[in-house]
Amino acid sequence: SERDKREFSSALDQTILKQKRKTA
């Protein structure tokens, strides 16, 4: 569903941000 997709992509964004912060 749309909401599932939005929640998934937002969780993905959080993970990517954490990874960037770690490598930065």
PDB file of N, CA and C in Angstrom:
ATOM      1  N   SER A   1       0.840  -1.217   0.000  1.00  0.00           N
ATOM      2  CA  SER A   1       0.000   0.000   0.000  1.00  0.00           C
ATOM      3  C   SER A   1       0.866   1.253   0.000  1.00  0.00           C
ATOM      4  N   GLU A   2       0.262   2.381  -0.275  1.00  0.00           N
ATOM      5  CA  GLU A   2       1.032   3.632  -0.337  1.00  0.00           C
ATOM      6  C   GLU A   2       1.696   3.936   1.000  1.00  0.00           C
ATOM      7  N   ARG A   3       0.940   3.767   2.094  1.00  0.00           N
ATOM      8  CA  ARG A   3       1.496   4.108   3.402  1.00  0.00           C
ATOM      9  C   ARG A   3       2.669   3.193   3.741  1.00  0.00           C
ATOM     10  N   ASP A   4       2.548   1.919   3.386  1.00  0.00           N
ATOM     11  CA  ASP A   4       3.648   0.995   3.644  1.00  0.00           C
ATOM     12  C   ASP A   4       4.894   1.439   2.895  1.00  0.00           C
ATOM     13  N   LYS A   5       4.682   1.850   1.649  1.00  0.00           N
ATOM     14  CA  LYS A   5       5.821   2.293   0.842  1.00  0.00           C
ATOM     15  C   LYS A   5       6.470   3.520   1.472  1.00  0.00           C
ATOM     16  N   ARG A   6       5.623   4.454   1.933  1.00  0.00           N
ATOM     17  CA  ARG A   6       6.151   5.683   2.516  1.00  0.00           C
ATOM     18  C   ARG A   6       6.927   5.367   3.796  1.00  0.00           C
ATOM     19  N   GLU A   7       6.373   4.482   4.614  1.00  0.00           N
ATOM     20  CA  GLU A   7       7.050   4.134   5.865  1.00  0.00           C
ATOM     21  C   GLU A   7       8.355   3.408   5.579  1.00  0.00           C
ATOM     22  N   PHE A   8       8.347   2.553   4.546  1.00  0.00           N
ATOM     23  CA  PHE A   8       9.549   1.805   4.199  1.00  0.00           C
ATOM     24  C   PHE A   8      10.646   2.745   3.709  1.00  0.00           C
ATOM     25  N   SER A   9      10.291   3.671   2.810  1.00  0.00           N
ATOM     26  CA  SER A   9      11.293   4.577   2.255  1.00  0.00           C
ATOM     27  C   SER A   9      11.803   5.532   3.329  1.00  0.00           C
ATOM     28  N   SER A  10      10.949   5.893   4.284  1.00  0.00           N
ATOM     29  CA  SER A  10      11.394   6.780   5.351  1.00  0.00           C
ATOM     30  C   SER A  10      12.346   6.032   6.276  1.00  0.00           C
ATOM     31  N   ALA A  11      12.084   4.751   6.510  1.00  0.00           N
ATOM     32  CA  ALA A  11      12.993   3.942   7.323  1.00  0.00           C
ATOM     33  C   ALA A  11      14.316   3.777   6.588  1.00  0.00           C
ATOM     34  N   LEU A  12      14.227   3.635   5.258  1.00  0.00           N
ATOM     35  CA  LEU A  12      15.424   3.507   4.443  1.00  0.00           C
ATOM     36  C   LEU A  12      16.249   4.789   4.535  1.00  0.00           C
ATOM     37  N   ASP A  13      15.580   5.935   4.473  1.00  0.00           N
ATOM     38  CA  ASP A  13      16.267   7.225   4.589  1.00  0.00           C
ATOM     39  C   ASP A  13      17.014   7.302   5.917  1.00  0.00           C
ATOM     40  N   GLN A  14      16.367   6.871   7.003  1.00  0.00           N
ATOM     41  CA  GLN A  14      17.004   6.913   8.312  1.00  0.00           C
ATOM     42  C   GLN A  14      18.266   6.061   8.311  1.00  0.00           C
ATOM     43  N   THR A  15      18.179   4.877   7.720  1.00  0.00           N
ATOM     44  CA  THR A  15      19.332   3.976   7.677  1.00  0.00           C
ATOM     45  C   THR A  15      20.467   4.595   6.880  1.00  0.00           C
ATOM     46  N   ILE A  16      20.126   5.184   5.732  1.00  0.00           N
ATOM     47  CA  ILE A  16      21.147   5.801   4.881  1.00  0.00           C
ATOM     48  C   ILE A  16      21.805   6.969   5.607  1.00  0.00           C
ATOM     49  N   LEU A  17      21.008   7.760   6.313  1.00  0.00           N
ATOM     50  CA  LEU A  17      21.565   8.891   7.044  1.00  0.00           C
ATOM     51  C   LEU A  17      22.539   8.404   8.106  1.00  0.00           C
ATOM     52  N   LYS A  18      22.188   7.314   8.780  1.00  0.00           N
ATOM     53  CA  LYS A  18      23.081   6.765   9.802  1.00  0.00           C
ATOM     54  C   LYS A  18      24.387   6.311   9.171  1.00  0.00           C
ATOM     55  N   GLN A  19      24.295   5.650   8.018  1.00  0.00           N
ATOM     56  CA  GLN A  19      25.490   5.177   7.332  1.00  0.00           C
ATOM     57  C   GLN A  19      26.377   6.353   6.934  1.00  0.00           C
ATOM     58  N   LYS A  20      25.761   7.400   6.392  1.00  0.00           N
ATOM     59  CA  LYS A  20      26.531   8.575   5.971  1.00  0.00           C
ATOM     60  C   LYS A  20      27.235   9.204   7.170  1.00  0.00           C
ATOM     61  N   ARG A  21      26.522   9.284   8.295  1.00  0.00           N
ATOM     62  CA  ARG A  21      27.099   9.902   9.475  1.00  0.00           C
ATOM     63  C   ARG A  21      28.295   9.085   9.963  1.00  0.00           C
ATOM     64  N   LYS A  22      28.181   7.749   9.841  1.00  0.00           N
ATOM     65  CA  LYS A  22      29.248   6.883  10.301  1.00  0.00           C
ATOM     66  C   LYS A  22      30.501   7.063   9.458  1.00  0.00           C
ATOM     67  N   THR A  23      30.330   7.143   8.120  1.00  0.00           N
ATOM     68  CA  THR A  23      31.481   7.219   7.232  1.00  0.00           C
ATOM     69  C   THR A  23      32.026   8.642   7.146  1.00  0.00           C
ATOM     70  N   ALA A  24      31.203   9.622   7.425  1.00  0.00           N
ATOM     71  CA  ALA A  24      31.624  11.019   7.303  1.00  0.00           C
ATOM     72  C   ALA A  24      32.682  11.355   8.355  1.00  0.00           C
TER      73      ALA A  24
END
